[in-house]
Amino acid sequence: MPNVRSRRRALPRVAAHDREAADHYLARTLLTVEGRLQRLYTRRQMSDETRRIASVFAGTDPQVPLWDDYLQVAYLENARDGLLSALRDLQQRHRRQS
């Protein structure tokens, strides 16, 4: 099985405008996720204790109103972390290719 480096060398180089488009797309998506998170945060000012209680309720009783907000916030926070990581990795890769 070939190692990772040999596979990386075989990948085609991406044109600079395509790299910028990917960066722009990820950044725009990240802004959208951040906006949705801010709306959720301001709609329900959850303290840390409330979040912990909501997580317990979310795991035990899906009829609790905090269930939806808790799941949305958890999903969007995970999406934000993934987008930040992807954007960071993409920018590092572009610097190496330059």
PDB file of N, CA and C in Angstrom:
ATOM      1  N   MET A   1       0.848  -1.169   0.000  1.00  0.00           N
ATOM      2  CA  MET A   1       0.000   0.000   0.000  1.00  0.00           C
ATOM      3  C   MET A   1       0.900   1.241   0.000  1.00  0.00           C
ATOM      4  N   PRO A   2       0.649   2.175  -0.935  1.00  0.00           N
ATOM      5  CA  PRO A   2       1.499   3.362  -0.995  1.00  0.00           C
ATOM      6  C   PRO A   2       1.271   4.255   0.216  1.00  0.00           C
ATOM      7  N   ASN A   3       2.335   4.949   0.597  1.00  0.00           N
ATOM      8  CA  ASN A   3       2.178   5.835   1.749  1.00  0.00           C
ATOM      9  C   ASN A   3       1.442   7.116   1.357  1.00  0.00           C
ATOM     10  N   VAL A   4       1.091   7.893   2.342  1.00  0.00           N
ATOM     11  CA  VAL A   4       0.277   9.087   2.114  1.00  0.00           C
ATOM     12  C   VAL A   4       1.015  10.115   1.266  1.00  0.00           C
ATOM     13  N   ARG A   5       2.303  10.264   1.480  1.00  0.00           N
ATOM     14  CA  ARG A   5       3.059  11.257   0.724  1.00  0.00           C
ATOM     15  C   ARG A   5       3.050  10.972  -0.767  1.00  0.00           C
ATOM     16  N   SER A   6       3.174   9.707  -1.147  1.00  0.00           N
ATOM     17  CA  SER A   6       3.183   9.402  -2.575  1.00  0.00           C
ATOM     18  C   SER A   6       1.826   9.702  -3.202  1.00  0.00           C
ATOM     19  N   ARG A   7       0.755   9.510  -2.460  1.00  0.00           N
ATOM     20  CA  ARG A   7      -0.571   9.843  -2.984  1.00  0.00           C
ATOM     21  C   ARG A   7      -0.734  11.355  -3.099  1.00  0.00           C
ATOM     22  N   ARG A   8      -0.190  12.091  -2.152  1.00  0.00           N
ATOM     23  CA  ARG A   8      -0.305  13.550  -2.204  1.00  0.00           C
ATOM     24  C   ARG A   8       0.410  14.115  -3.423  1.00  0.00           C
ATOM     25  N   ARG A   9       1.526  13.555  -3.760  1.00  0.00           N
ATOM     26  CA  ARG A   9       2.260  14.050  -4.930  1.00  0.00           C
ATOM     27  C   ARG A   9       1.491  13.802  -6.213  1.00  0.00           C
ATOM     28  N   ALA A  10       0.680  12.780  -6.229  1.00  0.00           N
ATOM     29  CA  ALA A  10      -0.053  12.442  -7.440  1.00  0.00           C
ATOM     30  C   ALA A  10      -1.265  13.343  -7.666  1.00  0.00           C
ATOM     31  N   LEU A  11      -1.659  14.100  -6.645  1.00  0.00           N
ATOM     32  CA  LEU A  11      -2.815  14.976  -6.803  1.00  0.00           C
ATOM     33  C   LEU A  11      -2.472  16.137  -7.727  1.00  0.00           C
ATOM     34  N   PRO A  12      -3.411  16.513  -8.588  1.00  0.00           N
ATOM     35  CA  PRO A  12      -3.138  17.632  -9.494  1.00  0.00           C
ATOM     36  C   PRO A  12      -3.095  18.956  -8.737  1.00  0.00           C
ATOM     37  N   ARG A  13      -2.333  19.876  -9.254  1.00  0.00           N
ATOM     38  CA  ARG A  13      -2.284  21.222  -8.670  1.00  0.00           C
ATOM     39  C   ARG A  13      -3.586  21.941  -9.015  1.00  0.00           C
ATOM     40  N   VAL A  14      -4.046  22.748  -8.071  1.00  0.00           N
ATOM     41  CA  VAL A  14      -5.290  23.487  -8.269  1.00  0.00           C
ATOM     42  C   VAL A  14      -4.934  24.916  -8.638  1.00  0.00           C
ATOM     43  N   ALA A  15      -5.654  25.453  -9.618  1.00  0.00           N
ATOM     44  CA  ALA A  15      -5.413  26.834 -10.025  1.00  0.00           C
ATOM     45  C   ALA A  15      -5.692  27.782  -8.863  1.00  0.00           C
ATOM     46  N   ALA A  16      -5.016  28.917  -8.863  1.00  0.00           N
ATOM     47  CA  ALA A  16      -5.142  29.869  -7.746  1.00  0.00           C
ATOM     48  C   ALA A  16      -6.572  30.349  -7.568  1.00  0.00           C
ATOM     49  N   HIS A  17      -7.289  30.603  -8.664  1.00  0.00           N
ATOM     50  CA  HIS A  17      -8.663  31.093  -8.516  1.00  0.00           C
ATOM     51  C   HIS A  17      -9.573  30.023  -7.920  1.00  0.00           C
ATOM     52  N   ASP A  18      -9.301  28.751  -8.192  1.00  0.00           N
ATOM     53  CA  ASP A  18     -10.086  27.673  -7.587  1.00  0.00           C
ATOM     54  C   ASP A  18      -9.827  27.595  -6.085  1.00  0.00           C
ATOM     55  N   ARG A  19      -8.583  27.833  -5.691  1.00  0.00           N
ATOM     56  CA  ARG A  19      -8.244  27.834  -4.264  1.00  0.00           C
ATOM     57  C   ARG A  19      -8.973  28.957  -3.545  1.00  0.00           C
ATOM     58  N   GLU A  20      -8.971  30.131  -4.143  1.00  0.00           N
ATOM     59  CA  GLU A  20      -9.657  31.269  -3.535  1.00  0.00           C
ATOM     60  C   GLU A  20     -11.154  31.022  -3.457  1.00  0.00           C
ATOM     61  N   ALA A  21     -11.711  30.369  -4.467  1.00  0.00           N
ATOM     62  CA  ALA A  21     -13.142  30.069  -4.454  1.00  0.00           C
ATOM     63  C   ALA A  21     -13.471  29.103  -3.324  1.00  0.00           C
ATOM     64  N   ALA A  22     -12.616  28.113  -3.102  1.00  0.00           N
ATOM     65  CA  ALA A  22     -12.857  27.160  -2.014  1.00  0.00           C
ATOM     66  C   ALA A  22     -12.760  27.859  -0.665  1.00  0.00           C
ATOM     67  N   ASP A  23     -11.752  28.718  -0.505  1.00  0.00           N
ATOM     68  CA  ASP A  23     -11.624  29.487   0.733  1.00  0.00           C
ATOM     69  C   ASP A  23     -12.851  30.355   0.957  1.00  0.00           C
ATOM     70  N   HIS A  24     -13.277  31.028  -0.098  1.00  0.00           N
ATOM     71  CA  HIS A  24     -14.428  31.928  -0.001  1.00  0.00           C
ATOM     72  C   HIS A  24     -15.693  31.149   0.353  1.00  0.00           C
ATOM     73  N   TYR A  25     -15.877  29.997  -0.286  1.00  0.00           N
ATOM     74  CA  TYR A  25     -17.062  29.181  -0.010  1.00  0.00           C
ATOM     75  C   TYR A  25     -17.084  28.713   1.445  1.00  0.00           C
ATOM     76  N   LEU A  26     -15.960  28.211   1.932  1.00  0.00           N
ATOM     77  CA  LEU A  26     -15.891  27.761   3.327  1.00  0.00           C
ATOM     78  C   LEU A  26     -16.116  28.920   4.294  1.00  0.00           C
ATOM     79  N   ALA A  27     -15.515  30.064   4.006  1.00  0.00           N
ATOM     80  CA  ALA A  27     -15.677  31.228   4.884  1.00  0.00           C
ATOM     81  C   ALA A  27     -17.128  31.702   4.894  1.00  0.00           C
ATOM     82  N   ARG A  28     -17.772  31.712   3.738  1.00  0.00           N
ATOM     83  CA  ARG A  28     -19.181  32.131   3.655  1.00  0.00           C
ATOM     84  C   ARG A  28     -20.082  31.160   4.407  1.00  0.00           C
ATOM     85  N   THR A  29     -19.824  29.879   4.271  1.00  0.00           N
ATOM     86  CA  THR A  29     -20.601  28.875   4.993  1.00  0.00           C
ATOM     87  C   THR A  29     -20.388  29.017   6.494  1.00  0.00           C
ATOM     88  N   LEU A  30     -19.162  29.282   6.896  1.00  0.00           N
ATOM     89  CA  LEU A  30     -18.850  29.494   8.306  1.00  0.00           C
ATOM     90  C   LEU A  30     -19.606  30.703   8.855  1.00  0.00           C
ATOM     91  N   LEU A  31     -19.688  31.779   8.085  1.00  0.00           N
ATOM     92  CA  LEU A  31     -20.445  32.959   8.518  1.00  0.00           C
ATOM     93  C   LEU A  31     -21.925  32.641   8.688  1.00  0.00           C
ATOM     94  N   THR A  32     -22.472  31.827   7.806  1.00  0.00           N
ATOM     95  CA  THR A  32     -23.873  31.428   7.916  1.00  0.00           C
ATOM     96  C   THR A  32     -24.108  30.640   9.197  1.00  0.00           C
ATOM     97  N   VAL A  33     -23.234  29.690   9.474  1.00  0.00           N
ATOM     98  CA  VAL A  33     -23.353  28.890  10.698  1.00  0.00           C
ATOM     99  C   VAL A  33     -23.225  29.780  11.928  1.00  0.00           C
ATOM    100  N   GLU A  34     -22.259  30.700  11.910  1.00  0.00           N
ATOM    101  CA  GLU A  34     -22.083  31.622  13.040  1.00  0.00           C
ATOM    102  C   GLU A  34     -23.332  32.471  13.249  1.00  0.00           C
ATOM    103  N   GLY A  35     -23.944  32.932  12.160  1.00  0.00           N
ATOM    104  CA  GLY A  35     -25.163  33.733  12.270  1.00  0.00           C
ATOM    105  C   GLY A  35     -26.303  32.958  12.899  1.00  0.00           C
ATOM    106  N   ARG A  36     -26.466  31.726  12.478  1.00  0.00           N
ATOM    107  CA  ARG A  36     -27.530  30.894  13.062  1.00  0.00           C
ATOM    108  C   ARG A  36     -27.276  30.625  14.538  1.00  0.00           C
ATOM    109  N   LEU A  37     -26.020  30.379  14.878  1.00  0.00           N
ATOM    110  CA  LEU A  37     -25.679  30.163  16.287  1.00  0.00           C
ATOM    111  C   LEU A  37     -25.982  31.409  17.122  1.00  0.00           C
ATOM    112  N   GLN A  38     -25.636  32.578  16.603  1.00  0.00           N
ATOM    113  CA  GLN A  38     -25.896  33.806  17.348  1.00  0.00           C
ATOM    114  C   GLN A  38     -27.388  34.021  17.568  1.00  0.00           C
ATOM    115  N   ARG A  39     -28.199  33.708  16.547  1.00  0.00           N
ATOM    116  CA  ARG A  39     -29.661  33.828  16.715  1.00  0.00           C
ATOM    117  C   ARG A  39     -30.159  32.882  17.792  1.00  0.00           C
ATOM    118  N   LEU A  40     -29.641  31.657  17.797  1.00  0.00           N
ATOM    119  CA  LEU A  40     -30.048  30.708  18.833  1.00  0.00           C
ATOM    120  C   LEU A  40     -29.580  31.155  20.210  1.00  0.00           C
ATOM    121  N   TYR A  41     -28.359  31.665  20.281  1.00  0.00           N
ATOM    122  CA  TYR A  41     -27.838  32.116  21.575  1.00  0.00           C
ATOM    123  C   TYR A  41     -28.652  33.282  22.122  1.00  0.00           C
ATOM    124  N   THR A  42     -29.023  34.222  21.260  1.00  0.00           N
ATOM    125  CA  THR A  42     -29.770  35.384  21.750  1.00  0.00           C
ATOM    126  C   THR A  42     -31.223  35.046  22.019  1.00  0.00           C
ATOM    127  N   ARG A  43     -31.759  34.094  21.277  1.00  0.00           N
ATOM    128  CA  ARG A  43     -33.157  33.707  21.502  1.00  0.00           C
ATOM    129  C   ARG A  43     -33.327  33.079  22.872  1.00  0.00           C
ATOM    130  N   ARG A  44     -32.408  32.257  23.226  1.00  0.00           N
ATOM    131  CA  ARG A  44     -32.446  31.605  24.540  1.00  0.00           C
ATOM    132  C   ARG A  44     -31.111  31.821  25.214  1.00  0.00           C
ATOM    133  N   GLN A  45     -31.070  32.742  26.090  1.00  0.00           N
ATOM    134  CA  GLN A  45     -29.842  33.005  26.838  1.00  0.00           C
ATOM    135  C   GLN A  45     -29.644  31.863  27.829  1.00  0.00           C
ATOM    136  N   MET A  46     -28.918  30.864  27.380  1.00  0.00           N
ATOM    137  CA  MET A  46     -28.698  29.693  28.220  1.00  0.00           C
ATOM    138  C   MET A  46     -27.425  29.860  29.037  1.00  0.00           C
ATOM    139  N   SER A  47     -27.543  29.709  30.310  1.00  0.00           N
ATOM    140  CA  SER A  47     -26.347  29.680  31.144  1.00  0.00           C
ATOM    141  C   SER A  47     -25.729  28.287  31.034  1.00  0.00           C
ATOM    142  N   ASP A  48     -24.547  28.130  31.558  1.00  0.00           N
ATOM    143  CA  ASP A  48     -23.898  26.814  31.522  1.00  0.00           C
ATOM    144  C   ASP A  48     -24.735  25.772  32.257  1.00  0.00           C
ATOM    145  N   GLU A  49     -25.314  26.187  33.366  1.00  0.00           N
ATOM    146  CA  GLU A  49     -26.137  25.249  34.129  1.00  0.00           C
ATOM    147  C   GLU A  49     -27.379  24.851  33.336  1.00  0.00           C
ATOM    148  N   THR A  50     -27.997  25.812  32.672  1.00  0.00           N
ATOM    149  CA  THR A  50     -29.177  25.511  31.860  1.00  0.00           C
ATOM    150  C   THR A  50     -28.813  24.566  30.729  1.00  0.00           C
ATOM    151  N   ARG A  51     -27.641  24.775  30.127  1.00  0.00           N
ATOM    152  CA  ARG A  51     -27.206  23.874  29.053  1.00  0.00           C
ATOM    153  C   ARG A  51     -27.008  22.457  29.566  1.00  0.00           C
ATOM    154  N   ARG A  52     -26.423  22.344  30.741  1.00  0.00           N
ATOM    155  CA  ARG A  52     -26.228  21.005  31.314  1.00  0.00           C
ATOM    156  C   ARG A  52     -27.570  20.337  31.583  1.00  0.00           C
ATOM    157  N   ILE A  53     -28.498  21.090  32.136  1.00  0.00           N
ATOM    158  CA  ILE A  53     -29.836  20.540  32.396  1.00  0.00           C
ATOM    159  C   ILE A  53     -30.504  20.156  31.083  1.00  0.00           C
ATOM    160  N   ALA A  54     -30.387  21.023  30.078  1.00  0.00           N
ATOM    161  CA  ALA A  54     -30.980  20.732  28.772  1.00  0.00           C
ATOM    162  C   ALA A  54     -30.376  19.474  28.167  1.00  0.00           C
ATOM    163  N   SER A  55     -29.075  19.287  28.335  1.00  0.00           N
ATOM    164  CA  SER A  55     -28.453  18.087  27.781  1.00  0.00           C
ATOM    165  C   SER A  55     -28.958  16.835  28.476  1.00  0.00           C
ATOM    166  N   VAL A  56     -29.189  16.931  29.778  1.00  0.00           N
ATOM    167  CA  VAL A  56     -29.747  15.783  30.504  1.00  0.00           C
ATOM    168  C   VAL A  56     -31.161  15.509  30.020  1.00  0.00           C
ATOM    169  N   PHE A  57     -31.967  16.569  29.930  1.00  0.00           N
ATOM    170  CA  PHE A  57     -33.340  16.398  29.453  1.00  0.00           C
ATOM    171  C   PHE A  57     -33.364  15.892  28.013  1.00  0.00           C
ATOM    172  N   ALA A  58     -32.465  16.428  27.190  1.00  0.00           N
ATOM    173  CA  ALA A  58     -32.427  16.010  25.793  1.00  0.00           C
ATOM    174  C   ALA A  58     -32.139  14.524  25.677  1.00  0.00           C
ATOM    175  N   GLY A  59     -31.319  14.025  26.587  1.00  0.00           N
ATOM    176  CA  GLY A  59     -31.003  12.600  26.560  1.00  0.00           C
ATOM    177  C   GLY A  59     -32.091  11.729  27.142  1.00  0.00           C
ATOM    178  N   THR A  60     -32.998  12.328  27.923  1.00  0.00           N
ATOM    179  CA  THR A  60     -33.997  11.511  28.608  1.00  0.00           C
ATOM    180  C   THR A  60     -35.425  11.776  28.169  1.00  0.00           C
ATOM    181  N   ASP A  61     -35.743  13.018  27.755  1.00  0.00           N
ATOM    182  CA  ASP A  61     -37.132  13.340  27.423  1.00  0.00           C
ATOM    183  C   ASP A  61     -37.197  14.285  26.224  1.00  0.00           C
ATOM    184  N   PRO A  62     -37.477  13.751  25.032  1.00  0.00           N
ATOM    185  CA  PRO A  62     -37.503  14.587  23.837  1.00  0.00           C
ATOM    186  C   PRO A  62     -38.676  15.569  23.794  1.00  0.00           C
ATOM    187  N   GLN A  63     -39.597  15.506  24.737  1.00  0.00           N
ATOM    188  CA  GLN A  63     -40.722  16.435  24.761  1.00  0.00           C
ATOM    189  C   GLN A  63     -40.363  17.772  25.412  1.00  0.00           C
ATOM    190  N   VAL A  64     -39.221  17.864  26.040  1.00  0.00           N
ATOM    191  CA  VAL A  64     -38.796  19.099  26.695  1.00  0.00           C
ATOM    192  C   VAL A  64     -38.492  20.146  25.621  1.00  0.00           C
ATOM    193  N   PRO A  65     -38.996  21.393  25.785  1.00  0.00           N
ATOM    194  CA  PRO A  65     -38.773  22.423  24.765  1.00  0.00           C
ATOM    195  C   PRO A  65     -37.299  22.741  24.504  1.00  0.00           C
ATOM    196  N   LEU A  66     -36.447  22.541  25.480  1.00  0.00           N
ATOM    197  CA  LEU A  66     -35.030  22.826  25.281  1.00  0.00           C
ATOM    198  C   LEU A  66     -34.352  21.817  24.350  1.00  0.00           C
ATOM    199  N   TRP A  67     -35.020  20.705  24.102  1.00  0.00           N
ATOM    200  CA  TRP A  67     -34.478  19.636  23.255  1.00  0.00           C
ATOM    201  C   TRP A  67     -34.053  20.177  21.897  1.00  0.00           C
ATOM    202  N   ASP A  68     -34.973  20.858  21.192  1.00  0.00           N
ATOM    203  CA  ASP A  68     -34.668  21.356  19.849  1.00  0.00           C
ATOM    204  C   ASP A  68     -33.522  22.358  19.862  1.00  0.00           C
ATOM    205  N   ASP A  69     -33.585  23.307  20.783  1.00  0.00           N
ATOM    206  CA  ASP A  69     -32.519  24.309  20.848  1.00  0.00           C
ATOM    207  C   ASP A  69     -31.183  23.665  21.178  1.00  0.00           C
ATOM    208  N   TYR A  70     -31.189  22.749  22.104  1.00  0.00           N
ATOM    209  CA  TYR A  70     -29.939  22.092  22.492  1.00  0.00           C
ATOM    210  C   TYR A  70     -29.344  21.332  21.303  1.00  0.00           C
ATOM    211  N   LEU A  71     -30.175  20.580  20.594  1.00  0.00           N
ATOM    212  CA  LEU A  71     -29.673  19.808  19.456  1.00  0.00           C
ATOM    213  C   LEU A  71     -29.186  20.722  18.336  1.00  0.00           C
ATOM    214  N   GLN A  72     -29.922  21.806  18.076  1.00  0.00           N
ATOM    215  CA  GLN A  72     -29.490  22.736  17.033  1.00  0.00           C
ATOM    216  C   GLN A  72     -28.150  23.370  17.383  1.00  0.00           C
ATOM    217  N   VAL A  73     -28.021  23.809  18.620  1.00  0.00           N
ATOM    218  CA  VAL A  73     -26.767  24.430  19.044  1.00  0.00           C
ATOM    219  C   VAL A  73     -25.624  23.418  18.969  1.00  0.00           C
ATOM    220  N   ALA A  74     -25.850  22.213  19.445  1.00  0.00           N
ATOM    221  CA  ALA A  74     -24.800  21.184  19.407  1.00  0.00           C
ATOM    222  C   ALA A  74     -24.395  20.874  17.966  1.00  0.00           C
ATOM    223  N   TYR A  75     -25.377  20.730  17.075  1.00  0.00           N
ATOM    224  CA  TYR A  75     -25.096  20.437  15.670  1.00  0.00           C
ATOM    225  C   TYR A  75     -24.309  21.579  15.026  1.00  0.00           C
ATOM    226  N   LEU A  76     -24.772  22.810  15.244  1.00  0.00           N
ATOM    227  CA  LEU A  76     -24.114  23.956  14.625  1.00  0.00           C
ATOM    228  C   LEU A  76     -22.713  24.190  15.195  1.00  0.00           C
ATOM    229  N   GLU A  77     -22.529  23.940  16.477  1.00  0.00           N
ATOM    230  CA  GLU A  77     -21.184  24.073  17.051  1.00  0.00           C
ATOM    231  C   GLU A  77     -20.233  23.041  16.452  1.00  0.00           C
ATOM    232  N   ASN A  78     -20.718  21.820  16.243  1.00  0.00           N
ATOM    233  CA  ASN A  78     -19.887  20.793  15.594  1.00  0.00           C
ATOM    234  C   ASN A  78     -19.580  21.176  14.153  1.00  0.00           C
ATOM    235  N   ALA A  79     -20.590  21.705  13.447  1.00  0.00           N
ATOM    236  CA  ALA A  79     -20.381  22.140  12.066  1.00  0.00           C
ATOM    237  C   ALA A  79     -19.364  23.276  12.013  1.00  0.00           C
ATOM    238  N   ARG A  80     -19.469  24.230  12.942  1.00  0.00           N
ATOM    239  CA  ARG A  80     -18.531  25.352  12.992  1.00  0.00           C
ATOM    240  C   ARG A  80     -17.108  24.848  13.220  1.00  0.00           C
ATOM    241  N   ASP A  81     -16.936  23.920  14.149  1.00  0.00           N
ATOM    242  CA  ASP A  81     -15.604  23.376  14.421  1.00  0.00           C
ATOM    243  C   ASP A  81     -15.032  22.684  13.189  1.00  0.00           C
ATOM    244  N   GLY A  82     -15.864  21.923  12.498  1.00  0.00           N
ATOM    245  CA  GLY A  82     -15.417  21.245  11.283  1.00  0.00           C
ATOM    246  C   GLY A  82     -15.048  22.217  10.178  1.00  0.00           C
ATOM    247  N   LEU A  83     -15.858  23.265  10.003  1.00  0.00           N
ATOM    248  CA  LEU A  83     -15.563  24.267   8.981  1.00  0.00           C
ATOM    249  C   LEU A  83     -14.279  25.032   9.301  1.00  0.00           C
ATOM    250  N   LEU A  84     -14.101  25.394  10.563  1.00  0.00           N
ATOM    251  CA  LEU A  84     -12.869  26.087  10.959  1.00  0.00           C
ATOM    252  C   LEU A  84     -11.644  25.223  10.684  1.00  0.00           C
ATOM    253  N   SER A  85     -11.743  23.952  11.011  1.00  0.00           N
ATOM    254  CA  SER A  85     -10.634  23.031  10.785  1.00  0.00           C
ATOM    255  C   SER A  85     -10.350  22.876   9.289  1.00  0.00           C
ATOM    256  N   ALA A  86     -11.395  22.717   8.493  1.00  0.00           N
ATOM    257  CA  ALA A  86     -11.221  22.564   7.047  1.00  0.00           C
ATOM    258  C   ALA A  86     -10.622  23.820   6.433  1.00  0.00           C
ATOM    259  N   LEU A  87     -11.092  24.979   6.863  1.00  0.00           N
ATOM    260  CA  LEU A  87     -10.570  26.238   6.339  1.00  0.00           C
ATOM    261  C   LEU A  87      -9.100  26.415   6.714  1.00  0.00           C
ATOM    262  N   ARG A  88      -8.757  26.106   7.939  1.00  0.00           N
ATOM    263  CA  ARG A  88      -7.369  26.199   8.398  1.00  0.00           C
ATOM    264  C   ARG A  88      -6.472  25.249   7.585  1.00  0.00           C
ATOM    265  N   ASP A  89      -6.921  24.010   7.410  1.00  0.00           N
ATOM    266  CA  ASP A  89      -6.134  23.031   6.651  1.00  0.00           C
ATOM    267  C   ASP A  89      -5.965  23.460   5.199  1.00  0.00           C
ATOM    268  N   LEU A  90      -7.033  23.979   4.615  1.00  0.00           N
ATOM    269  CA  LEU A  90      -6.983  24.411   3.224  1.00  0.00           C
ATOM    270  C   LEU A  90      -6.013  25.578   3.055  1.00  0.00           C
ATOM    271  N   GLN A  91      -6.044  26.519   3.977  1.00  0.00           N
ATOM    272  CA  GLN A  91      -5.129  27.655   3.896  1.00  0.00           C
ATOM    273  C   GLN A  91      -3.677  27.207   4.066  1.00  0.00           C
ATOM    274  N   GLN A  92      -3.419  26.266   4.966  1.00  0.00           N
ATOM    275  CA  GLN A  92      -2.055  25.754   5.131  1.00  0.00           C
ATOM    276  C   GLN A  92      -1.592  25.034   3.871  1.00  0.00           C
ATOM    277  N   ARG A  93      -2.471  24.269   3.272  1.00  0.00           N
ATOM    278  CA  ARG A  93      -2.122  23.545   2.051  1.00  0.00           C
ATOM    279  C   ARG A  93      -1.805  24.528   0.928  1.00  0.00           C
ATOM    280  N   HIS A  94      -2.574  25.611   0.840  1.00  0.00           N
ATOM    281  CA  HIS A  94      -2.329  26.598  -0.209  1.00  0.00           C
ATOM    282  C   HIS A  94      -0.993  27.300  -0.008  1.00  0.00           C
ATOM    283  N   ARG A  95      -0.638  27.568   1.241  1.00  0.00           N
ATOM    284  CA  ARG A  95       0.656  28.206   1.517  1.00  0.00           C
ATOM    285  C   ARG A  95       1.804  27.295   1.091  1.00  0.00           C
ATOM    286  N   ARG A  96       1.645  26.004   1.318  1.00  0.00           N
ATOM    287  CA  ARG A  96       2.706  25.056   0.940  1.00  0.00           C
ATOM    288  C   ARG A  96       2.836  24.956  -0.569  1.00  0.00           C
ATOM    289  N   GLN A  97       1.715  25.053  -1.297  1.00  0.00           N
ATOM    290  CA  GLN A  97       1.753  24.926  -2.751  1.00  0.00           C
ATOM    291  C   GLN A  97       2.244  26.201  -3.428  1.00  0.00           C
ATOM    292  N   SER A  98       2.192  27.311  -2.720  1.00  0.00           N
ATOM    293  CA  SER A  98       2.619  28.591  -3.325  1.00  0.00           C
ATOM    294  C   SER A  98       4.112  28.673  -3.468  1.00  0.00           C
TER     295      SER A  98
END
